[in-house]
Amino acid sequence: MSAPATAASTTDAEVVQTQSAPPRRSWPGYLTMPLILGLVCLGMFLYVQSRELDSIEARSLNARTILTALQGHVMLTAVSTLVTLVISVPLGVLLTRSFTRVIRPYIIGVLTVLQAVPTIAILVLLAVAFLFLGFQAAIVGLVLYAIIPVLLNTMVGLEQVDENVMEAGRGMGFSRWQVLTKLEVPLAVPVILAGVRTALVINVGTATLVTYIDAGGLGDIIVAGLSTNRILVQLIGAALTAVLALLVDYIAGIAEDLLRPKGL
């Protein structure tokens, strides 16, 4: 009777190991998404070139305008995500310590409420109440909207680290700081990176709204199409935003594969 039980336990362990450590993609797997996105961009380019654009469409869909909007959008996404990381990861580590358990629900509650407020409302409040416009106001709005996924993933990743592993580290003479930096954080990296990946995609989509406070980005193209009733301009702006979101998610997925500790 013991042999089947042992076999079943072994099978369960293998299933758990397979679920926690998904295989890394092969080179063809890594190349699939860039090829698809490249074909989509090529298709959009050929379609626009095949049409006779009026002056308004030509002004919105020329290479210089698109590259400027794309550069601004990437900058908004990168800076807001970096600021989110600088705030969320240390705060997530702090909130998993025992001495912060009393205030933890209140901090998470406040941040959740802020995320529930529409981003455009936050941007308008910054603009009206503080005359806060442009790039800096956009970063504040994007950070407030993306902070929750990274914060919660940081907390979940740290809290799911096996207590036996940390106890083993203490038994080896590790200090609390060493246990945190050499055991807890490395083991929590996959979960934290999943939160960062989510925040990146959120920021790409939300950054289209910052055009209303003069912060640039691909939202300029979309709003230009809306205000002039040019469907083609709207579609190209939205499609470029979707392509950028998928590309950012793809790059974040590669980073997740590379930074994941071996064996996890």
C-alpha atoms as a PDB file:
ATOM      1  CA  MET A   1       0.000   0.000   0.000  1.00  0.00           C
ATOM      2  CA  SER A   2       2.947   2.330   0.619  1.00  0.00           C
ATOM      3  CA  ALA A   3       4.274   2.110  -2.935  1.00  0.00           C
ATOM      4  CA  PRO A   4       1.185   3.630  -4.608  1.00  0.00           C
ATOM      5  CA  ALA A   5       1.125   6.400  -2.002  1.00  0.00           C
ATOM      6  CA  THR A   6       4.764   7.160  -2.705  1.00  0.00           C
ATOM      7  CA  ALA A   7       4.113   7.199  -6.440  1.00  0.00           C
ATOM      8  CA  ALA A   8       1.161   9.512  -5.971  1.00  0.00           C
ATOM      9  CA  SER A   9       3.242  11.856  -3.814  1.00  0.00           C
ATOM     10  CA  THR A  10       5.981  11.880  -6.416  1.00  0.00           C
ATOM     11  CA  THR A  11       3.466  12.670  -9.138  1.00  0.00           C
ATOM     12  CA  ASP A  12       1.991  15.529  -7.094  1.00  0.00           C
ATOM     13  CA  ALA A  13       5.467  16.946  -6.477  1.00  0.00           C
ATOM     14  CA  GLU A  14       6.240  16.803 -10.177  1.00  0.00           C
ATOM     15  CA  VAL A  15       2.995  18.616 -10.981  1.00  0.00           C
ATOM     16  CA  VAL A  16       3.759  21.356  -8.439  1.00  0.00           C
ATOM     17  CA  GLN A  17       7.298  21.704  -9.768  1.00  0.00           C
ATOM     18  CA  THR A  18       6.011  21.917 -13.346  1.00  0.00           C
ATOM     19  CA  GLN A  19       3.482  24.590 -12.418  1.00  0.00           C
ATOM     20  CA  SER A  20       5.957  26.705 -10.448  1.00  0.00           C
ATOM     21  CA  ALA A  21       8.761  26.455 -12.997  1.00  0.00           C
ATOM     22  CA  PRO A  22       7.355  26.850 -16.520  1.00  0.00           C
ATOM     23  CA  PRO A  23       9.882  26.018 -19.229  1.00  0.00           C
ATOM     24  CA  ARG A  24      11.649  28.909 -20.878  1.00  0.00           C
ATOM     25  CA  ARG A  25      10.691  29.569 -24.470  1.00  0.00           C
ATOM     26  CA  SER A  26      12.817  28.452 -27.397  1.00  0.00           C
ATOM     27  CA  TRP A  27      14.321  30.900 -29.898  1.00  0.00           C
ATOM     28  CA  PRO A  28      11.427  30.421 -32.364  1.00  0.00           C
ATOM     29  CA  GLY A  29       9.069  31.166 -29.482  1.00  0.00           C
ATOM     30  CA  TYR A  30      10.886  34.411 -28.773  1.00  0.00           C
ATOM     31  CA  LEU A  31      10.784  35.478 -32.426  1.00  0.00           C
ATOM     32  CA  THR A  32       7.085  34.857 -33.037  1.00  0.00           C
ATOM     33  CA  MET A  33       5.710  38.002 -31.406  1.00  0.00           C
ATOM     34  CA  PRO A  34       8.182  40.478 -33.018  1.00  0.00           C
ATOM     35  CA  LEU A  35       7.400  38.984 -36.432  1.00  0.00           C
ATOM     36  CA  ILE A  36       3.651  39.339 -35.888  1.00  0.00           C
ATOM     37  CA  LEU A  37       3.958  42.915 -34.647  1.00  0.00           C
ATOM     38  CA  GLY A  38       6.308  43.765 -37.509  1.00  0.00           C
ATOM     39  CA  LEU A  39       3.791  42.429 -40.028  1.00  0.00           C
ATOM     40  CA  VAL A  40       1.013  44.449 -38.378  1.00  0.00           C
ATOM     41  CA  CYS A  41       3.087  47.646 -38.610  1.00  0.00           C
ATOM     42  CA  LEU A  42       3.985  46.872 -42.221  1.00  0.00           C
ATOM     43  CA  GLY A  43       0.328  46.304 -43.027  1.00  0.00           C
ATOM     44  CA  MET A  44      -0.641  49.648 -41.471  1.00  0.00           C
ATOM     45  CA  PHE A  45       2.124  51.432 -43.386  1.00  0.00           C
ATOM     46  CA  LEU A  46       1.117  49.912 -46.720  1.00  0.00           C
ATOM     47  CA  TYR A  47      -2.546  50.671 -46.102  1.00  0.00           C
ATOM     48  CA  VAL A  48      -1.868  54.319 -45.279  1.00  0.00           C
ATOM     49  CA  GLN A  49       0.434  54.660 -48.287  1.00  0.00           C
ATOM     50  CA  SER A  50      -2.234  53.211 -50.574  1.00  0.00           C
ATOM     51  CA  ARG A  51      -4.771  55.872 -49.594  1.00  0.00           C
ATOM     52  CA  GLU A  52      -4.967  59.451 -50.754  1.00  0.00           C
ATOM     53  CA  LEU A  53      -4.779  61.399 -47.488  1.00  0.00           C
ATOM     54  CA  ASP A  54      -6.282  64.810 -47.018  1.00  0.00           C
ATOM     55  CA  SER A  55      -4.266  67.585 -45.358  1.00  0.00           C
ATOM     56  CA  ILE A  56      -5.489  66.764 -41.844  1.00  0.00           C
ATOM     57  CA  GLU A  57      -4.740  63.047 -42.159  1.00  0.00           C
ATOM     58  CA  ALA A  58      -1.345  63.754 -43.697  1.00  0.00           C
ATOM     59  CA  ARG A  59      -0.470  66.079 -40.817  1.00  0.00           C
ATOM     60  CA  SER A  60      -1.347  63.436 -38.222  1.00  0.00           C
ATOM     61  CA  LEU A  61       0.052  60.348 -39.958  1.00  0.00           C
ATOM     62  CA  ASN A  62       3.437  61.501 -41.187  1.00  0.00           C
ATOM     63  CA  ALA A  63       6.574  59.788 -39.904  1.00  0.00           C
ATOM     64  CA  ARG A  64       7.770  62.736 -37.832  1.00  0.00           C
ATOM     65  CA  THR A  65       4.483  63.104 -35.944  1.00  0.00           C
ATOM     66  CA  ILE A  66       4.201  59.374 -35.264  1.00  0.00           C
ATOM     67  CA  LEU A  67       7.806  59.027 -34.091  1.00  0.00           C
ATOM     68  CA  THR A  68       7.471  62.043 -31.776  1.00  0.00           C
ATOM     69  CA  ALA A  69       4.252  60.672 -30.277  1.00  0.00           C
ATOM     70  CA  LEU A  70       5.767  57.188 -29.944  1.00  0.00           C
ATOM     71  CA  GLN A  71       8.896  58.533 -28.268  1.00  0.00           C
ATOM     72  CA  GLY A  72       6.809  60.527 -25.795  1.00  0.00           C
ATOM     73  CA  HIS A  73       4.627  57.505 -25.049  1.00  0.00           C
ATOM     74  CA  VAL A  74       7.622  55.260 -24.392  1.00  0.00           C
ATOM     75  CA  MET A  75       9.155  57.904 -22.122  1.00  0.00           C
ATOM     76  CA  LEU A  76       5.919  58.272 -20.161  1.00  0.00           C
ATOM     77  CA  THR A  77       5.631  54.497 -19.738  1.00  0.00           C
ATOM     78  CA  ALA A  78       9.275  53.966 -18.775  1.00  0.00           C
ATOM     79  CA  VAL A  79       9.520  56.814 -16.261  1.00  0.00           C
ATOM     80  CA  SER A  80       6.164  56.097 -14.610  1.00  0.00           C
ATOM     81  CA  THR A  81       6.980  52.390 -14.277  1.00  0.00           C
ATOM     82  CA  LEU A  82      10.414  53.171 -12.833  1.00  0.00           C
ATOM     83  CA  VAL A  83       8.893  55.537 -10.261  1.00  0.00           C
ATOM     84  CA  THR A  84       6.264  52.893  -9.481  1.00  0.00           C
ATOM     85  CA  LEU A  85       9.007  50.345  -8.828  1.00  0.00           C
ATOM     86  CA  VAL A  86      10.973  52.703  -6.594  1.00  0.00           C
ATOM     87  CA  ILE A  87       7.853  53.290  -4.488  1.00  0.00           C
ATOM     88  CA  SER A  88       6.059  49.933  -4.613  1.00  0.00           C
ATOM     89  CA  VAL A  89       8.832  47.403  -4.009  1.00  0.00           C
ATOM     90  CA  PRO A  90      10.301  49.009  -0.841  1.00  0.00           C
ATOM     91  CA  LEU A  91       6.775  49.721   0.420  1.00  0.00           C
ATOM     92  CA  GLY A  92       5.765  46.128  -0.279  1.00  0.00           C
ATOM     93  CA  VAL A  93       8.789  44.858   1.640  1.00  0.00           C
ATOM     94  CA  LEU A  94       7.988  47.201   4.522  1.00  0.00           C
ATOM     95  CA  LEU A  95       4.346  46.116   4.690  1.00  0.00           C
ATOM     96  CA  THR A  96       5.328  42.445   4.998  1.00  0.00           C
ATOM     97  CA  ARG A  97       7.285  43.128   8.188  1.00  0.00           C
ATOM     98  CA  SER A  98       5.515  42.302  11.434  1.00  0.00           C
ATOM     99  CA  PHE A  99       5.727  45.831  12.867  1.00  0.00           C
ATOM    100  CA  THR A 100       3.578  47.261  10.031  1.00  0.00           C
ATOM    101  CA  ARG A 101       0.652  44.842  10.260  1.00  0.00           C
ATOM    102  CA  VAL A 102      -1.481  47.385  12.107  1.00  0.00           C
ATOM    103  CA  ILE A 103      -1.274  50.047   9.396  1.00  0.00           C
ATOM    104  CA  ARG A 104      -1.141  47.656   6.406  1.00  0.00           C
ATOM    105  CA  PRO A 105      -4.922  47.529   5.727  1.00  0.00           C
ATOM    106  CA  TYR A 106      -5.206  51.317   5.805  1.00  0.00           C
ATOM    107  CA  ILE A 107      -2.361  51.909   3.336  1.00  0.00           C
ATOM    108  CA  ILE A 108      -3.631  49.257   0.934  1.00  0.00           C
ATOM    109  CA  GLY A 109      -7.166  50.634   1.282  1.00  0.00           C
ATOM    110  CA  VAL A 110      -6.107  54.182   0.418  1.00  0.00           C
ATOM    111  CA  LEU A 111      -4.096  53.029  -2.603  1.00  0.00           C
ATOM    112  CA  THR A 112      -6.967  50.826  -3.795  1.00  0.00           C
ATOM    113  CA  VAL A 113      -9.372  53.764  -3.598  1.00  0.00           C
ATOM    114  CA  LEU A 114      -6.946  55.921  -5.579  1.00  0.00           C
ATOM    115  CA  GLN A 115      -6.715  53.231  -8.249  1.00  0.00           C
ATOM    116  CA  ALA A 116     -10.504  53.010  -8.400  1.00  0.00           C
ATOM    117  CA  VAL A 117     -10.674  56.704  -9.318  1.00  0.00           C
ATOM    118  CA  PRO A 118     -10.524  57.070 -13.130  1.00  0.00           C
ATOM    119  CA  THR A 119      -7.127  58.276 -14.300  1.00  0.00           C
ATOM    120  CA  ILE A 120      -8.631  61.133 -16.275  1.00  0.00           C
ATOM    121  CA  ALA A 121     -10.284  62.371 -13.067  1.00  0.00           C
ATOM    122  CA  ILE A 122      -6.933  62.381 -11.244  1.00  0.00           C
ATOM    123  CA  LEU A 123      -5.317  64.265 -14.115  1.00  0.00           C
ATOM    124  CA  VAL A 124      -8.102  66.833 -14.207  1.00  0.00           C
ATOM    125  CA  LEU A 125      -7.871  67.333 -10.430  1.00  0.00           C
ATOM    126  CA  LEU A 126      -4.116  67.903 -10.697  1.00  0.00           C
ATOM    127  CA  ALA A 127      -4.668  70.378 -13.513  1.00  0.00           C
ATOM    128  CA  VAL A 128      -7.527  72.300 -11.875  1.00  0.00           C
ATOM    129  CA  ALA A 129      -6.500  72.277  -8.221  1.00  0.00           C
ATOM    130  CA  PHE A 130      -2.748  72.721  -8.612  1.00  0.00           C
ATOM    131  CA  LEU A 131      -2.378  74.027 -12.185  1.00  0.00           C
ATOM    132  CA  PHE A 132      -0.264  70.920 -12.680  1.00  0.00           C
ATOM    133  CA  LEU A 133       0.078  70.123 -16.396  1.00  0.00           C
ATOM    134  CA  GLY A 134       2.430  68.289 -18.707  1.00  0.00           C
ATOM    135  CA  PHE A 135       4.866  65.433 -18.218  1.00  0.00           C
ATOM    136  CA  GLN A 136       5.166  65.600 -14.413  1.00  0.00           C
ATOM    137  CA  ALA A 137       1.408  65.574 -13.857  1.00  0.00           C
ATOM    138  CA  ALA A 138       1.111  62.606 -16.209  1.00  0.00           C
ATOM    139  CA  ILE A 139       3.734  60.676 -14.233  1.00  0.00           C
ATOM    140  CA  VAL A 140       1.824  61.299 -10.983  1.00  0.00           C
ATOM    141  CA  GLY A 141      -1.428  60.033 -12.501  1.00  0.00           C
ATOM    142  CA  LEU A 142       0.168  56.961 -14.073  1.00  0.00           C
ATOM    143  CA  VAL A 143       2.030  56.020 -10.886  1.00  0.00           C
ATOM    144  CA  LEU A 144      -1.129  56.265  -8.773  1.00  0.00           C
ATOM    145  CA  TYR A 145      -2.890  53.966 -11.220  1.00  0.00           C
ATOM    146  CA  ALA A 146      -0.108  51.342 -11.541  1.00  0.00           C
ATOM    147  CA  ILE A 147       1.193  51.190  -7.982  1.00  0.00           C
ATOM    148  CA  ILE A 148      -1.285  48.590  -6.683  1.00  0.00           C
ATOM    149  CA  PRO A 149      -0.304  45.632  -8.963  1.00  0.00           C
ATOM    150  CA  VAL A 150       3.404  45.939  -8.134  1.00  0.00           C
ATOM    151  CA  LEU A 151       2.768  46.529  -4.419  1.00  0.00           C
ATOM    152  CA  LEU A 152       0.416  43.560  -4.008  1.00  0.00           C
ATOM    153  CA  ASN A 153       2.624  41.244  -6.059  1.00  0.00           C
ATOM    154  CA  THR A 154       5.634  42.244  -3.986  1.00  0.00           C
ATOM    155  CA  MET A 155       3.755  41.430  -0.796  1.00  0.00           C
ATOM    156  CA  VAL A 156       2.376  38.132  -2.131  1.00  0.00           C
ATOM    157  CA  GLY A 157       5.795  37.099  -3.459  1.00  0.00           C
ATOM    158  CA  LEU A 158       7.494  37.749  -0.124  1.00  0.00           C
ATOM    159  CA  GLU A 159       4.755  36.163   1.959  1.00  0.00           C
ATOM    160  CA  GLN A 160       4.748  32.936  -0.038  1.00  0.00           C
ATOM    161  CA  VAL A 161       8.434  32.244   0.642  1.00  0.00           C
ATOM    162  CA  ASP A 162       8.673  29.045   2.669  1.00  0.00           C
ATOM    163  CA  GLU A 163       9.313  29.756   6.343  1.00  0.00           C
ATOM    164  CA  ASN A 164      11.604  26.697   6.474  1.00  0.00           C
ATOM    165  CA  VAL A 165      13.895  28.316   3.901  1.00  0.00           C
ATOM    166  CA  MET A 166      14.183  31.480   5.975  1.00  0.00           C
ATOM    167  CA  GLU A 167      14.723  29.440   9.129  1.00  0.00           C
ATOM    168  CA  ALA A 168      17.534  27.589   7.380  1.00  0.00           C
ATOM    169  CA  GLY A 169      19.116  30.922   6.496  1.00  0.00           C
ATOM    170  CA  ARG A 170      18.929  32.081  10.092  1.00  0.00           C
ATOM    171  CA  GLY A 171      20.483  28.796  11.150  1.00  0.00           C
ATOM    172  CA  MET A 172      23.407  29.517   8.807  1.00  0.00           C
ATOM    173  CA  GLY A 173      23.992  32.792  10.640  1.00  0.00           C
ATOM    174  CA  PHE A 174      22.236  35.153   8.229  1.00  0.00           C
ATOM    175  CA  SER A 175      21.075  38.453   9.658  1.00  0.00           C
ATOM    176  CA  ARG A 176      17.540  39.708   8.999  1.00  0.00           C
ATOM    177  CA  TRP A 177      18.855  41.885   6.175  1.00  0.00           C
ATOM    178  CA  GLN A 178      20.709  38.946   4.617  1.00  0.00           C
ATOM    179  CA  VAL A 179      17.620  36.729   4.849  1.00  0.00           C
ATOM    180  CA  LEU A 180      15.631  39.439   3.089  1.00  0.00           C
ATOM    181  CA  THR A 181      18.134  40.231   0.335  1.00  0.00           C
ATOM    182  CA  LYS A 182      19.569  36.753  -0.268  1.00  0.00           C
ATOM    183  CA  LEU A 183      16.506  34.572   0.255  1.00  0.00           C
ATOM    184  CA  GLU A 184      13.161  36.376   0.375  1.00  0.00           C
ATOM    185  CA  VAL A 185      13.578  38.888  -2.456  1.00  0.00           C
ATOM    186  CA  PRO A 186      15.273  36.487  -4.938  1.00  0.00           C
ATOM    187  CA  LEU A 187      12.574  33.862  -4.341  1.00  0.00           C
ATOM    188  CA  ALA A 188       9.860  36.507  -4.764  1.00  0.00           C
ATOM    189  CA  VAL A 189      11.303  37.874  -8.032  1.00  0.00           C
ATOM    190  CA  PRO A 190       8.978  35.922 -10.394  1.00  0.00           C
ATOM    191  CA  VAL A 191       5.847  37.212  -8.650  1.00  0.00           C
ATOM    192  CA  ILE A 192       7.207  40.772  -8.432  1.00  0.00           C
ATOM    193  CA  LEU A 193       8.080  40.740 -12.133  1.00  0.00           C
ATOM    194  CA  ALA A 194       4.542  39.608 -12.965  1.00  0.00           C
ATOM    195  CA  GLY A 195       3.288  42.732 -11.180  1.00  0.00           C
ATOM    196  CA  VAL A 196       5.778  44.924 -13.039  1.00  0.00           C
ATOM    197  CA  ARG A 197       4.632  43.397 -16.325  1.00  0.00           C
ATOM    198  CA  THR A 198       1.026  44.224 -15.477  1.00  0.00           C
ATOM    199  CA  ALA A 199       1.963  47.785 -14.496  1.00  0.00           C
ATOM    200  CA  LEU A 200       3.799  48.308 -17.790  1.00  0.00           C
ATOM    201  CA  VAL A 201       0.800  47.282 -19.874  1.00  0.00           C
ATOM    202  CA  ILE A 202      -1.522  49.409 -17.719  1.00  0.00           C
ATOM    203  CA  ASN A 203       0.739  52.419 -18.181  1.00  0.00           C
ATOM    204  CA  VAL A 204       0.896  52.008 -21.968  1.00  0.00           C
ATOM    205  CA  GLY A 205      -2.883  52.038 -22.225  1.00  0.00           C
ATOM    206  CA  THR A 206      -3.494  54.738 -19.640  1.00  0.00           C
ATOM    207  CA  ALA A 207      -0.834  57.039 -21.098  1.00  0.00           C
ATOM    208  CA  THR A 208      -3.117  57.759 -24.047  1.00  0.00           C
ATOM    209  CA  LEU A 209      -5.230  59.908 -21.697  1.00  0.00           C
ATOM    210  CA  VAL A 210      -2.427  62.284 -20.713  1.00  0.00           C
ATOM    211  CA  THR A 211      -2.819  64.111 -24.009  1.00  0.00           C
ATOM    212  CA  TYR A 212      -5.649  66.024 -22.282  1.00  0.00           C
ATOM    213  CA  ILE A 213      -3.094  67.673 -19.968  1.00  0.00           C
ATOM    214  CA  ASP A 214      -0.612  68.394 -22.750  1.00  0.00           C
ATOM    215  CA  ALA A 215       1.765  65.530 -21.915  1.00  0.00           C
ATOM    216  CA  GLY A 216       2.077  64.087 -25.425  1.00  0.00           C
ATOM    217  CA  GLY A 217       2.127  60.432 -26.400  1.00  0.00           C
ATOM    218  CA  LEU A 218       0.097  58.430 -28.874  1.00  0.00           C
ATOM    219  CA  GLY A 219      -3.053  59.919 -27.383  1.00  0.00           C
ATOM    220  CA  ASP A 220      -2.273  63.043 -29.433  1.00  0.00           C
ATOM    221  CA  ILE A 221      -2.926  61.081 -32.624  1.00  0.00           C
ATOM    222  CA  ILE A 222      -6.109  59.463 -31.315  1.00  0.00           C
ATOM    223  CA  VAL A 223      -7.544  62.769 -30.070  1.00  0.00           C
ATOM    224  CA  ALA A 224      -6.571  64.484 -33.330  1.00  0.00           C
ATOM    225  CA  GLY A 225      -8.649  61.876 -35.151  1.00  0.00           C
ATOM    226  CA  LEU A 226     -11.554  62.262 -32.739  1.00  0.00           C
ATOM    227  CA  SER A 227     -11.618  66.060 -32.895  1.00  0.00           C
ATOM    228  CA  THR A 228     -11.477  66.130 -36.700  1.00  0.00           C
ATOM    229  CA  ASN A 229     -13.706  63.080 -37.261  1.00  0.00           C
ATOM    230  CA  ARG A 230     -10.969  61.201 -39.131  1.00  0.00           C
ATOM    231  CA  ILE A 231     -11.591  57.475 -38.566  1.00  0.00           C
ATOM    232  CA  LEU A 232      -8.295  56.447 -40.174  1.00  0.00           C
ATOM    233  CA  VAL A 233      -6.280  58.636 -37.779  1.00  0.00           C
ATOM    234  CA  GLN A 234      -8.154  57.209 -34.798  1.00  0.00           C
ATOM    235  CA  LEU A 235      -7.586  53.618 -35.923  1.00  0.00           C
ATOM    236  CA  ILE A 236      -3.873  54.107 -36.583  1.00  0.00           C
ATOM    237  CA  GLY A 237      -3.352  55.770 -33.196  1.00  0.00           C
ATOM    238  CA  ALA A 238      -5.238  53.004 -31.393  1.00  0.00           C
ATOM    239  CA  ALA A 239      -3.461  50.269 -33.358  1.00  0.00           C
ATOM    240  CA  LEU A 240      -0.039  51.747 -32.594  1.00  0.00           C
ATOM    241  CA  THR A 241      -0.939  51.858 -28.894  1.00  0.00           C
ATOM    242  CA  ALA A 242      -1.984  48.192 -29.002  1.00  0.00           C
ATOM    243  CA  VAL A 243       1.222  47.210 -30.812  1.00  0.00           C
ATOM    244  CA  LEU A 244       3.304  49.102 -28.248  1.00  0.00           C
ATOM    245  CA  ALA A 245       1.444  47.413 -25.371  1.00  0.00           C
ATOM    246  CA  LEU A 246       2.063  43.966 -26.857  1.00  0.00           C
ATOM    247  CA  LEU A 247       5.716  44.788 -27.521  1.00  0.00           C
ATOM    248  CA  VAL A 248       6.237  46.038 -23.964  1.00  0.00           C
ATOM    249  CA  ASP A 249       4.543  42.915 -22.599  1.00  0.00           C
ATOM    250  CA  TYR A 250       6.784  40.774 -24.818  1.00  0.00           C
ATOM    251  CA  ILE A 251       9.969  42.506 -23.625  1.00  0.00           C
ATOM    252  CA  ALA A 252       8.811  42.246 -20.007  1.00  0.00           C
ATOM    253  CA  GLY A 253       8.205  38.527 -20.560  1.00  0.00           C
ATOM    254  CA  ILE A 254      11.802  38.100 -21.763  1.00  0.00           C
ATOM    255  CA  ALA A 255      13.065  39.992 -18.699  1.00  0.00           C
ATOM    256  CA  GLU A 256      10.901  37.752 -16.526  1.00  0.00           C
ATOM    257  CA  ASP A 257      12.490  34.649 -18.076  1.00  0.00           C
ATOM    258  CA  LEU A 258      16.029  35.974 -17.720  1.00  0.00           C
ATOM    259  CA  LEU A 259      15.707  37.326 -14.182  1.00  0.00           C
ATOM    260  CA  ARG A 260      13.834  34.351 -12.773  1.00  0.00           C
ATOM    261  CA  PRO A 261      16.201  32.474 -10.420  1.00  0.00           C
ATOM    262  CA  LYS A 262      17.248  29.074 -11.743  1.00  0.00           C
ATOM    263  CA  GLY A 263      15.113  26.250 -10.437  1.00  0.00           C
ATOM    264  CA  LEU A 264      12.003  28.401 -10.005  1.00  0.00           C
END
